Amino acid sequence: MRYLWTWIASAVVLTVVIAIGVSIAQNPNIDHATIAQYQFAPAILAGLRTTIELAVVSGAIGLGLGLGLALMRLSQNPVFRWASGAYTWAFRGTPLLVQILFWGNLALLFKRVGIFIPFTDIALVSAGTNTVVTPFVASILALGLNEGAYMSEIIRAGILAVPAGQVDAARALGMSSGLTMRRVVLPQAFAVIVPPTVNQFTNLLKATSLVSVIAGGDLLTAAENIASANLHTIELLLVATFWFLVITSLSSIAQHAVEARLAPA
């Protein structure tokens, strides 16, 4: 009986998926020729490249920042712990969309950015905010700083998963705290940290679509720009959907490969 209900449920799910696919394929309100025309359009491929660049650069920033924040959170220094906790609280507690809009409109808060002598208006180096913080840079800042808050918790959990006895043994051998972290803790924490990190990167790939609100040059921005000219909104959204499915599927395949590699024998 258990297997009977499993087959019934599978049949229902498969039927729903096929029905959705057929309804899209046969919908007279969808211009399939437009989808085919723009699927590999230069503007779409340029947006796809920018999306991947945003994800890779922001992911690298988030990884480095997350490692530093995790170590600060685990530090004996109360100021480090407080600063790391406050950072994580602020960036995880506010919507990513709000953070993107903030960085995209930074010029409304600061007309110029640069290096200033403290407590004076004397600038050693400065430039107009919109010149420095372009939509692409604003997107990187928003995604990277937000990613750092989440990566800090992933890395901290991986470090805490290492048995305390390992640390005690390293200390007994005369290793310093830094050496213990580099040679004993982090290598063992690696197996715990990597799978959720890859999964977080998949989420980051999808989150890049949010930078379209500040014209970040990503895949969705490119699709929206074309749609605003030819008024084929649904068709261009389907084009963007196709490419998002491609890159997130590749990321998921990489995740499964990593998890299989790190799985205990």
C-alpha atoms as a PDB file:
ATOM      1  CA  MET A   1       0.000   0.000   0.000  1.00  0.00           C
ATOM      2  CA  ARG A   2       2.877   2.349   0.786  1.00  0.00           C
ATOM      3  CA  TYR A   3       4.303   1.984  -2.709  1.00  0.00           C
ATOM      4  CA  LEU A   4       0.842   2.375  -4.268  1.00  0.00           C
ATOM      5  CA  TRP A   5       0.440   5.846  -2.788  1.00  0.00           C
ATOM      6  CA  THR A   6       3.971   6.703  -3.857  1.00  0.00           C
ATOM      7  CA  TRP A   7       3.157   5.848  -7.462  1.00  0.00           C
ATOM      8  CA  ILE A   8      -0.116   7.762  -7.298  1.00  0.00           C
ATOM      9  CA  ALA A   9       1.613  10.845  -5.916  1.00  0.00           C
ATOM     10  CA  SER A  10       4.322  10.580  -8.587  1.00  0.00           C
ATOM     11  CA  ALA A  11       1.694  10.327 -11.317  1.00  0.00           C
ATOM     12  CA  VAL A  12      -0.117  13.400  -9.998  1.00  0.00           C
ATOM     13  CA  VAL A  13       3.091  15.455  -9.879  1.00  0.00           C
ATOM     14  CA  LEU A  14       4.117  14.324 -13.367  1.00  0.00           C
ATOM     15  CA  THR A  15       0.666  15.177 -14.725  1.00  0.00           C
ATOM     16  CA  VAL A  16       0.810  18.673 -13.237  1.00  0.00           C
ATOM     17  CA  VAL A  17       4.297  19.299 -14.667  1.00  0.00           C
ATOM     18  CA  ILE A  18       3.239  18.110 -18.138  1.00  0.00           C
ATOM     19  CA  ALA A  19       0.058  20.201 -17.980  1.00  0.00           C
ATOM     20  CA  ILE A  20       2.058  23.335 -17.129  1.00  0.00           C
ATOM     21  CA  GLY A  21       4.529  22.654 -19.930  1.00  0.00           C
ATOM     22  CA  VAL A  22       1.771  22.060 -22.483  1.00  0.00           C
ATOM     23  CA  SER A  23      -0.136  25.158 -21.394  1.00  0.00           C
ATOM     24  CA  ILE A  24       2.983  27.279 -21.954  1.00  0.00           C
ATOM     25  CA  ALA A  25       3.905  25.599 -25.236  1.00  0.00           C
ATOM     26  CA  GLN A  26       0.385  25.909 -26.689  1.00  0.00           C
ATOM     27  CA  ASN A  27      -0.573  29.262 -25.186  1.00  0.00           C
ATOM     28  CA  PRO A  28      -1.556  31.565 -28.092  1.00  0.00           C
ATOM     29  CA  ASN A  29      -0.555  34.618 -26.043  1.00  0.00           C
ATOM     30  CA  ILE A  30       3.110  33.563 -26.068  1.00  0.00           C
ATOM     31  CA  ASP A  31       5.137  34.418 -29.157  1.00  0.00           C
ATOM     32  CA  HIS A  32       7.543  31.492 -29.387  1.00  0.00           C
ATOM     33  CA  ALA A  33       9.342  33.077 -32.337  1.00  0.00           C
ATOM     34  CA  THR A  34      10.359  35.970 -30.080  1.00  0.00           C
ATOM     35  CA  ILE A  35      11.713  33.546 -27.492  1.00  0.00           C
ATOM     36  CA  ALA A  36      13.801  31.797 -30.147  1.00  0.00           C
ATOM     37  CA  GLN A  37      14.968  35.142 -31.526  1.00  0.00           C
ATOM     38  CA  TYR A  38      16.319  36.437 -28.227  1.00  0.00           C
ATOM     39  CA  GLN A  39      17.448  33.201 -26.582  1.00  0.00           C
ATOM     40  CA  PHE A  40      21.034  33.751 -27.748  1.00  0.00           C
ATOM     41  CA  ALA A  41      20.854  37.470 -28.440  1.00  0.00           C
ATOM     42  CA  PRO A  42      24.131  39.348 -27.705  1.00  0.00           C
ATOM     43  CA  ALA A  43      22.441  41.552 -25.106  1.00  0.00           C
ATOM     44  CA  ILE A  44      21.063  38.507 -23.269  1.00  0.00           C
ATOM     45  CA  LEU A  45      24.413  36.706 -23.336  1.00  0.00           C
ATOM     46  CA  ALA A  46      26.142  39.876 -22.091  1.00  0.00           C
ATOM     47  CA  GLY A  47      23.642  40.040 -19.229  1.00  0.00           C
ATOM     48  CA  LEU A  48      24.258  36.365 -18.493  1.00  0.00           C
ATOM     49  CA  ARG A  49      28.010  37.008 -18.335  1.00  0.00           C
ATOM     50  CA  THR A  50      27.447  39.924 -15.962  1.00  0.00           C
ATOM     51  CA  THR A  51      25.220  37.744 -13.756  1.00  0.00           C
ATOM     52  CA  ILE A  52      27.962  35.129 -13.484  1.00  0.00           C
ATOM     53  CA  GLU A  53      30.577  37.826 -12.784  1.00  0.00           C
ATOM     54  CA  LEU A  54      28.391  39.336 -10.057  1.00  0.00           C
ATOM     55  CA  ALA A  55      27.935  35.935  -8.427  1.00  0.00           C
ATOM     56  CA  VAL A  56      31.616  34.942  -8.594  1.00  0.00           C
ATOM     57  CA  VAL A  57      33.016  38.276  -7.362  1.00  0.00           C
ATOM     58  CA  SER A  58      30.360  38.676  -4.663  1.00  0.00           C
ATOM     59  CA  GLY A  59      30.847  35.070  -3.592  1.00  0.00           C
ATOM     60  CA  ALA A  60      34.602  35.602  -3.247  1.00  0.00           C
ATOM     61  CA  ILE A  61      34.038  38.763  -1.205  1.00  0.00           C
ATOM     62  CA  GLY A  62      31.478  36.983   0.938  1.00  0.00           C
ATOM     63  CA  LEU A  63      33.801  34.037   1.550  1.00  0.00           C
ATOM     64  CA  GLY A  64      36.723  36.193   2.660  1.00  0.00           C
ATOM     65  CA  LEU A  65      34.533  38.492   4.713  1.00  0.00           C
ATOM     66  CA  GLY A  66      32.667  35.554   6.227  1.00  0.00           C
ATOM     67  CA  LEU A  67      35.905  33.892   7.341  1.00  0.00           C
ATOM     68  CA  GLY A  68      37.047  37.073   9.047  1.00  0.00           C
ATOM     69  CA  LEU A  69      33.680  37.633  10.728  1.00  0.00           C
ATOM     70  CA  ALA A  70      33.523  33.998  11.892  1.00  0.00           C
ATOM     71  CA  LEU A  71      36.967  34.216  13.477  1.00  0.00           C
ATOM     72  CA  MET A  72      36.003  37.510  15.121  1.00  0.00           C
ATOM     73  CA  ARG A  73      32.817  35.946  16.486  1.00  0.00           C
ATOM     74  CA  LEU A  74      34.839  33.112  18.017  1.00  0.00           C
ATOM     75  CA  SER A  75      37.537  35.441  19.355  1.00  0.00           C
ATOM     76  CA  GLN A  76      38.156  36.036  23.048  1.00  0.00           C
ATOM     77  CA  ASN A  77      38.069  39.776  22.320  1.00  0.00           C
ATOM     78  CA  PRO A  78      34.600  41.108  23.301  1.00  0.00           C
ATOM     79  CA  VAL A  79      34.861  44.030  20.858  1.00  0.00           C
ATOM     80  CA  PHE A  80      35.504  41.636  17.956  1.00  0.00           C
ATOM     81  CA  ARG A  81      32.609  39.430  19.036  1.00  0.00           C
ATOM     82  CA  TRP A  82      30.253  42.386  19.360  1.00  0.00           C
ATOM     83  CA  ALA A  83      31.268  43.900  16.009  1.00  0.00           C
ATOM     84  CA  SER A  84      30.875  40.594  14.173  1.00  0.00           C
ATOM     85  CA  GLY A  85      27.516  39.892  15.805  1.00  0.00           C
ATOM     86  CA  ALA A  86      26.256  43.400  15.015  1.00  0.00           C
ATOM     87  CA  TYR A  87      27.327  43.080  11.368  1.00  0.00           C
ATOM     88  CA  THR A  88      25.618  39.719  10.955  1.00  0.00           C
ATOM     89  CA  TRP A  89      22.492  40.970  12.709  1.00  0.00           C
ATOM     90  CA  ALA A  90      22.246  44.054  10.486  1.00  0.00           C
ATOM     91  CA  PHE A  91      22.863  42.394   7.122  1.00  0.00           C
ATOM     92  CA  ARG A  92      20.814  39.255   7.789  1.00  0.00           C
ATOM     93  CA  GLY A  93      18.017  41.236   9.390  1.00  0.00           C
ATOM     94  CA  THR A  94      17.317  43.548   6.449  1.00  0.00           C
ATOM     95  CA  PRO A  95      16.076  42.517   2.985  1.00  0.00           C
ATOM     96  CA  LEU A  96      18.720  42.200   0.300  1.00  0.00           C
ATOM     97  CA  LEU A  97      16.561  44.347  -1.994  1.00  0.00           C
ATOM     98  CA  VAL A  98      16.713  47.215   0.508  1.00  0.00           C
ATOM     99  CA  GLN A  99      20.502  46.897   0.694  1.00  0.00           C
ATOM    100  CA  ILE A 100      20.779  46.975  -3.106  1.00  0.00           C
ATOM    101  CA  LEU A 101      18.630  50.105  -3.271  1.00  0.00           C
ATOM    102  CA  PHE A 102      20.739  51.715  -0.540  1.00  0.00           C
ATOM    103  CA  TRP A 103      24.025  51.207  -2.369  1.00  0.00           C
ATOM    104  CA  GLY A 104      22.433  52.138  -5.688  1.00  0.00           C
ATOM    105  CA  ASN A 105      21.324  55.466  -4.225  1.00  0.00           C
ATOM    106  CA  LEU A 106      24.441  56.152  -2.161  1.00  0.00           C
ATOM    107  CA  ALA A 107      24.958  59.467  -3.989  1.00  0.00           C
ATOM    108  CA  LEU A 108      21.855  60.818  -2.278  1.00  0.00           C
ATOM    109  CA  LEU A 109      23.688  60.413   1.029  1.00  0.00           C
ATOM    110  CA  PHE A 110      27.257  61.245   0.004  1.00  0.00           C
ATOM    111  CA  LYS A 111      27.927  63.433  -3.026  1.00  0.00           C
ATOM    112  CA  ARG A 112      31.601  62.448  -3.061  1.00  0.00           C
ATOM    113  CA  VAL A 113      33.577  59.511  -1.729  1.00  0.00           C
ATOM    114  CA  GLY A 114      37.289  59.228  -1.040  1.00  0.00           C
ATOM    115  CA  ILE A 115      39.920  59.497   1.656  1.00  0.00           C
ATOM    116  CA  PHE A 116      39.353  62.454   3.969  1.00  0.00           C
ATOM    117  CA  ILE A 117      41.323  63.801   6.947  1.00  0.00           C
ATOM    118  CA  PRO A 118      39.222  62.838  10.000  1.00  0.00           C
ATOM    119  CA  PHE A 119      36.933  65.557  11.394  1.00  0.00           C
ATOM    120  CA  THR A 120      37.668  67.867   8.448  1.00  0.00           C
ATOM    121  CA  ASP A 121      36.418  68.407   4.905  1.00  0.00           C
ATOM    122  CA  ILE A 122      39.933  68.111   3.492  1.00  0.00           C
ATOM    123  CA  ALA A 123      40.091  65.287   0.933  1.00  0.00           C
ATOM    124  CA  LEU A 124      43.332  63.529   0.042  1.00  0.00           C
ATOM    125  CA  VAL A 125      41.590  61.661  -2.782  1.00  0.00           C
ATOM    126  CA  SER A 126      37.944  62.025  -3.767  1.00  0.00           C
ATOM    127  CA  ALA A 127      35.564  61.579  -6.674  1.00  0.00           C
ATOM    128  CA  GLY A 128      31.885  61.844  -7.400  1.00  0.00           C
ATOM    129  CA  THR A 129      29.953  58.986  -5.805  1.00  0.00           C
ATOM    130  CA  ASN A 130      28.141  58.071  -9.014  1.00  0.00           C
ATOM    131  CA  THR A 131      31.491  57.949 -10.808  1.00  0.00           C
ATOM    132  CA  VAL A 132      32.925  55.432  -8.343  1.00  0.00           C
ATOM    133  CA  VAL A 133      29.854  53.526  -7.227  1.00  0.00           C
ATOM    134  CA  THR A 134      28.415  52.565 -10.603  1.00  0.00           C
ATOM    135  CA  PRO A 135      25.390  50.238 -10.748  1.00  0.00           C
ATOM    136  CA  PHE A 136      27.755  47.277 -11.182  1.00  0.00           C
ATOM    137  CA  VAL A 137      29.907  48.321  -8.201  1.00  0.00           C
ATOM    138  CA  ALA A 138      26.794  48.980  -6.113  1.00  0.00           C
ATOM    139  CA  SER A 139      25.553  45.494  -7.000  1.00  0.00           C
ATOM    140  CA  ILE A 140      28.875  43.945  -5.971  1.00  0.00           C
ATOM    141  CA  LEU A 141      28.860  45.841  -2.667  1.00  0.00           C
ATOM    142  CA  ALA A 142      25.296  44.860  -1.825  1.00  0.00           C
ATOM    143  CA  LEU A 143      25.640  41.197  -2.786  1.00  0.00           C
ATOM    144  CA  GLY A 144      29.152  40.748  -1.358  1.00  0.00           C
ATOM    145  CA  LEU A 145      28.474  42.391   2.015  1.00  0.00           C
ATOM    146  CA  ASN A 146      25.196  40.514   2.391  1.00  0.00           C
ATOM    147  CA  GLU A 147      26.846  37.234   1.423  1.00  0.00           C
ATOM    148  CA  GLY A 148      29.541  37.806   4.051  1.00  0.00           C
ATOM    149  CA  ALA A 149      26.940  37.808   6.823  1.00  0.00           C
ATOM    150  CA  TYR A 150      25.563  34.429   5.757  1.00  0.00           C
ATOM    151  CA  MET A 151      28.965  32.896   5.074  1.00  0.00           C
ATOM    152  CA  SER A 152      30.151  33.915   8.546  1.00  0.00           C
ATOM    153  CA  GLU A 153      27.462  31.722  10.101  1.00  0.00           C
ATOM    154  CA  ILE A 154      28.253  28.811   7.792  1.00  0.00           C
ATOM    155  CA  ILE A 155      31.971  29.006   8.567  1.00  0.00           C
ATOM    156  CA  ARG A 156      31.376  29.502  12.289  1.00  0.00           C
ATOM    157  CA  ALA A 157      29.160  26.404  12.376  1.00  0.00           C
ATOM    158  CA  GLY A 158      31.860  24.414  10.560  1.00  0.00           C
ATOM    159  CA  ILE A 159      34.540  25.515  13.027  1.00  0.00           C
ATOM    160  CA  LEU A 160      32.344  24.681  16.011  1.00  0.00           C
ATOM    161  CA  ALA A 161      31.716  21.222  14.528  1.00  0.00           C
ATOM    162  CA  VAL A 162      35.375  20.307  15.066  1.00  0.00           C
ATOM    163  CA  PRO A 163      35.683  18.381  18.362  1.00  0.00           C
ATOM    164  CA  ALA A 164      37.204  20.416  21.177  1.00  0.00           C
ATOM    165  CA  GLY A 165      39.609  17.537  21.838  1.00  0.00           C
ATOM    166  CA  GLN A 166      41.351  18.291  18.557  1.00  0.00           C
ATOM    167  CA  VAL A 167      42.078  21.828  19.708  1.00  0.00           C
ATOM    168  CA  ASP A 168      43.237  20.628  23.114  1.00  0.00           C
ATOM    169  CA  ALA A 169      45.586  18.123  21.491  1.00  0.00           C
ATOM    170  CA  ALA A 170      47.078  20.833  19.259  1.00  0.00           C
ATOM    171  CA  ARG A 171      47.581  23.121  22.227  1.00  0.00           C
ATOM    172  CA  ALA A 172      49.241  20.274  24.126  1.00  0.00           C
ATOM    173  CA  LEU A 173      51.739  19.995  21.274  1.00  0.00           C
ATOM    174  CA  GLY A 174      52.620  23.646  21.749  1.00  0.00           C
ATOM    175  CA  MET A 175      50.754  25.095  18.775  1.00  0.00           C
ATOM    176  CA  SER A 176      49.596  28.701  18.990  1.00  0.00           C
ATOM    177  CA  SER A 177      45.945  29.638  18.512  1.00  0.00           C
ATOM    178  CA  GLY A 178      46.561  30.829  14.959  1.00  0.00           C
ATOM    179  CA  LEU A 179      48.548  27.745  14.010  1.00  0.00           C
ATOM    180  CA  THR A 180      45.902  25.493  15.546  1.00  0.00           C
ATOM    181  CA  MET A 181      43.219  27.219  13.505  1.00  0.00           C
ATOM    182  CA  ARG A 182      45.173  26.932  10.241  1.00  0.00           C
ATOM    183  CA  ARG A 183      46.516  23.387  10.574  1.00  0.00           C
ATOM    184  CA  VAL A 184      43.939  21.585  12.697  1.00  0.00           C
ATOM    185  CA  VAL A 185      40.563  23.305  12.843  1.00  0.00           C
ATOM    186  CA  LEU A 186      40.017  24.742   9.366  1.00  0.00           C
ATOM    187  CA  PRO A 187      41.094  21.594   7.443  1.00  0.00           C
ATOM    188  CA  GLN A 188      38.583  19.513   9.439  1.00  0.00           C
ATOM    189  CA  ALA A 189      35.890  22.178   9.218  1.00  0.00           C
ATOM    190  CA  PHE A 190      36.312  22.267   5.438  1.00  0.00           C
ATOM    191  CA  ALA A 191      34.154  19.172   4.908  1.00  0.00           C
ATOM    192  CA  VAL A 192      31.331  20.775   6.878  1.00  0.00           C
ATOM    193  CA  ILE A 193      31.652  24.220   5.303  1.00  0.00           C
ATOM    194  CA  VAL A 194      31.904  23.375   1.594  1.00  0.00           C
ATOM    195  CA  PRO A 195      28.452  21.803   0.862  1.00  0.00           C
ATOM    196  CA  PRO A 196      26.378  24.692   2.305  1.00  0.00           C
ATOM    197  CA  THR A 197      28.800  27.158   0.693  1.00  0.00           C
ATOM    198  CA  VAL A 198      28.113  25.720  -2.759  1.00  0.00           C
ATOM    199  CA  ASN A 199      24.388  25.786  -2.004  1.00  0.00           C
ATOM    200  CA  GLN A 200      24.723  29.417  -0.907  1.00  0.00           C
ATOM    201  CA  PHE A 201      26.409  30.201  -4.233  1.00  0.00           C
ATOM    202  CA  THR A 202      23.397  28.765  -6.062  1.00  0.00           C
ATOM    203  CA  ASN A 203      21.161  31.077  -4.065  1.00  0.00           C
ATOM    204  CA  LEU A 204      23.506  33.958  -4.889  1.00  0.00           C
ATOM    205  CA  LEU A 205      23.152  33.268  -8.608  1.00  0.00           C
ATOM    206  CA  LYS A 206      19.395  33.736  -8.287  1.00  0.00           C
ATOM    207  CA  ALA A 207      19.743  36.740  -5.996  1.00  0.00           C
ATOM    208  CA  THR A 208      21.665  38.618  -8.691  1.00  0.00           C
ATOM    209  CA  SER A 209      18.332  39.193 -10.440  1.00  0.00           C
ATOM    210  CA  LEU A 210      17.453  41.692  -7.705  1.00  0.00           C
ATOM    211  CA  VAL A 211      20.074  44.153  -8.966  1.00  0.00           C
ATOM    212  CA  SER A 212      17.802  44.836 -11.922  1.00  0.00           C
ATOM    213  CA  VAL A 213      16.120  47.460  -9.708  1.00  0.00           C
ATOM    214  CA  ILE A 214      19.263  49.616 -10.088  1.00  0.00           C
ATOM    215  CA  ALA A 215      19.989  48.539 -13.680  1.00  0.00           C
ATOM    216  CA  GLY A 216      22.934  46.412 -12.617  1.00  0.00           C
ATOM    217  CA  GLY A 217      23.479  45.065 -16.128  1.00  0.00           C
ATOM    218  CA  ASP A 218      22.564  41.497 -15.162  1.00  0.00           C
ATOM    219  CA  LEU A 219      20.541  38.951 -17.125  1.00  0.00           C
ATOM    220  CA  LEU A 220      17.171  40.196 -15.894  1.00  0.00           C
ATOM    221  CA  THR A 221      18.122  43.818 -16.613  1.00  0.00           C
ATOM    222  CA  ALA A 222      18.995  42.858 -20.190  1.00  0.00           C
ATOM    223  CA  ALA A 223      15.694  41.008 -20.600  1.00  0.00           C
ATOM    224  CA  GLU A 224      13.727  43.929 -19.172  1.00  0.00           C
ATOM    225  CA  ASN A 225      15.490  46.415 -21.449  1.00  0.00           C
ATOM    226  CA  ILE A 226      14.568  44.389 -24.524  1.00  0.00           C
ATOM    227  CA  ALA A 227      11.011  43.874 -23.279  1.00  0.00           C
ATOM    228  CA  SER A 228      10.543  47.602 -22.737  1.00  0.00           C
ATOM    229  CA  ALA A 229      11.351  48.127 -26.412  1.00  0.00           C
ATOM    230  CA  ASN A 230       9.348  45.306 -28.038  1.00  0.00           C
ATOM    231  CA  LEU A 231       6.674  44.862 -25.307  1.00  0.00           C
ATOM    232  CA  HIS A 232       7.156  41.071 -25.237  1.00  0.00           C
ATOM    233  CA  THR A 233       7.494  40.940 -21.452  1.00  0.00           C
ATOM    234  CA  ILE A 234       6.513  37.312 -20.861  1.00  0.00           C
ATOM    235  CA  GLU A 235       8.666  36.035 -23.691  1.00  0.00           C
ATOM    236  CA  LEU A 236      11.770  37.817 -22.405  1.00  0.00           C
ATOM    237  CA  LEU A 237      11.073  36.623 -18.848  1.00  0.00           C
ATOM    238  CA  LEU A 238      10.964  33.066 -20.211  1.00  0.00           C
ATOM    239  CA  VAL A 239      14.304  33.668 -21.923  1.00  0.00           C
ATOM    240  CA  ALA A 240      15.805  34.833 -18.613  1.00  0.00           C
ATOM    241  CA  THR A 241      14.171  31.908 -16.803  1.00  0.00           C
ATOM    242  CA  PHE A 242      15.783  29.441 -19.195  1.00  0.00           C
ATOM    243  CA  TRP A 243      19.280  30.803 -18.550  1.00  0.00           C
ATOM    244  CA  PHE A 244      18.765  30.973 -14.786  1.00  0.00           C
ATOM    245  CA  LEU A 245      17.713  27.315 -14.848  1.00  0.00           C
ATOM    246  CA  VAL A 246      20.841  26.450 -16.838  1.00  0.00           C
ATOM    247  CA  ILE A 247      23.343  28.131 -14.505  1.00  0.00           C
ATOM    248  CA  THR A 248      21.629  27.049 -11.278  1.00  0.00           C
ATOM    249  CA  SER A 249      21.404  23.471 -12.573  1.00  0.00           C
ATOM    250  CA  LEU A 250      25.134  23.480 -13.301  1.00  0.00           C
ATOM    251  CA  SER A 251      25.757  24.833  -9.809  1.00  0.00           C
ATOM    252  CA  SER A 252      23.557  22.116  -8.307  1.00  0.00           C
ATOM    253  CA  ILE A 253      25.471  19.440 -10.235  1.00  0.00           C
ATOM    254  CA  ALA A 254      28.704  20.846  -8.823  1.00  0.00           C
ATOM    255  CA  GLN A 255      27.179  20.796  -5.346  1.00  0.00           C
ATOM    256  CA  HIS A 256      26.228  17.124  -5.616  1.00  0.00           C
ATOM    257  CA  ALA A 257      29.688  16.268  -6.924  1.00  0.00           C
ATOM    258  CA  VAL A 258      31.326  18.081  -4.010  1.00  0.00           C
ATOM    259  CA  GLU A 259      29.042  16.416  -1.471  1.00  0.00           C
ATOM    260  CA  ALA A 260      29.799  12.982  -2.974  1.00  0.00           C
ATOM    261  CA  ARG A 261      33.508  13.744  -2.861  1.00  0.00           C
ATOM    262  CA  LEU A 262      33.407  14.802   0.787  1.00  0.00           C
ATOM    263  CA  ALA A 263      31.034  12.087   1.938  1.00  0.00           C
ATOM    264  CA  PRO A 264      32.605   9.638   4.380  1.00  0.00           C
ATOM    265  CA  ALA A 265      33.598   6.338   2.806  1.00  0.00           C
END
